[in-house]
Protein backbone atom coordinates (compact mmCIF):
# COMPACT_ATOMS: atom_id res chain seq x y z
CA MET A 1 50.08 189.39 165.57
CA GLY A 2 46.82 190.21 164.66
CA GLY A 3 48.05 192.69 161.78
CA LEU A 4 49.84 189.74 160.25
CA GLY A 5 48.55 188.29 157.16
CA ARG A 6 47.46 184.68 157.48
CA ARG A 7 50.53 183.03 155.82
CA THR A 8 52.91 185.09 157.84
CA ARG A 9 50.88 183.84 161.33
CA ARG A 10 51.20 180.13 160.09
CA SER A 11 55.11 181.10 159.33
CA VAL A 12 55.62 182.24 162.66
CA ARG A 13 53.69 179.30 164.72
CA LEU A 14 55.96 176.86 162.42
CA LEU A 15 58.94 178.57 163.43
CA ALA A 16 58.25 178.99 166.89
CA VAL A 17 57.60 175.21 166.97
CA SER A 18 60.89 174.72 165.12
CA ALA A 19 62.23 176.68 167.77
CA LEU A 20 60.92 174.35 170.64
CA VAL A 21 61.85 171.17 168.63
CA GLU A 22 65.28 172.67 168.84
CA GLY A 23 65.38 172.79 172.75
CA ARG A 24 64.87 176.65 172.66
CA ASP A 25 62.88 177.46 176.25
CA ARG A 26 59.16 178.61 175.83
CA SER A 27 59.33 181.65 177.37
CA GLU A 28 62.46 182.66 175.35
CA VAL A 29 60.58 181.51 171.96
CA ALA A 30 57.41 184.07 173.30
CA ALA A 31 59.85 186.67 173.57
CA LEU A 32 61.57 186.12 170.15
CA PHE A 33 58.32 186.32 168.44
CA ARG A 34 56.50 188.67 170.63
CA VAL A 35 53.69 186.34 171.54
CA SER A 36 52.55 185.21 174.85
CA VAL A 37 53.91 181.53 176.59
CA ARG A 38 50.10 180.73 176.86
CA ALA A 39 50.33 181.20 172.54
CA VAL A 40 53.68 179.17 172.78
CA ASP A 41 52.00 176.86 174.90
CA ASN A 42 49.02 176.33 172.58
CA TRP A 43 50.95 175.68 169.47
CA TRP A 44 52.85 173.35 170.66
CA ALA A 45 50.46 171.04 172.05
CA ARG A 46 48.89 170.94 168.45
CA TRP A 47 52.13 169.95 167.22
CA GLN A 48 52.02 167.33 169.51
CA ALA A 49 48.68 166.36 168.87
CA GLY A 50 49.22 166.26 165.24
CA GLY A 51 52.50 167.31 163.92
CA ARG A 52 52.92 169.54 161.32
CA GLY A 53 49.29 169.98 159.90
CA ALA A 54 47.85 170.31 163.73
CA ARG A 55 49.46 173.61 163.68
CA ALA A 56 46.47 175.99 162.28
CA PRO A 57 43.46 176.87 164.17
CA PRO A 58 39.93 175.77 163.16
CA PRO A 59 38.90 177.83 160.35
CA ARG A 60 36.54 181.00 162.03
CA GLY A 61 33.34 181.77 160.81
CA PRO A 62 30.35 179.60 158.60
CA PRO A 63 31.37 177.79 156.25
CA PRO A 64 31.71 179.25 152.63
CA GLY A 65 28.42 179.66 150.93
CA VAL A 66 26.22 179.74 154.11
CA LYS A 67 24.90 183.33 155.33
CA LYS A 68 25.02 184.51 158.22
CA LEU A 69 21.63 186.04 159.94
CA ASN A 70 21.87 188.92 161.01
């Protein structure tokens, strides 16, 4: 999923979790969305921990306005 945009990746995660909520098997969901079962398990765990707001991973890199040291 690395070549997809941020919104697309978020949509895929939400659709995958929705499929799990509907009762689909996690390996079936992984194959359907062409991701690993581990990724599906991680998304599901985040969903269970906090619902829709928990599906997105934490932001990467330094906060805006903070320069990286070289």
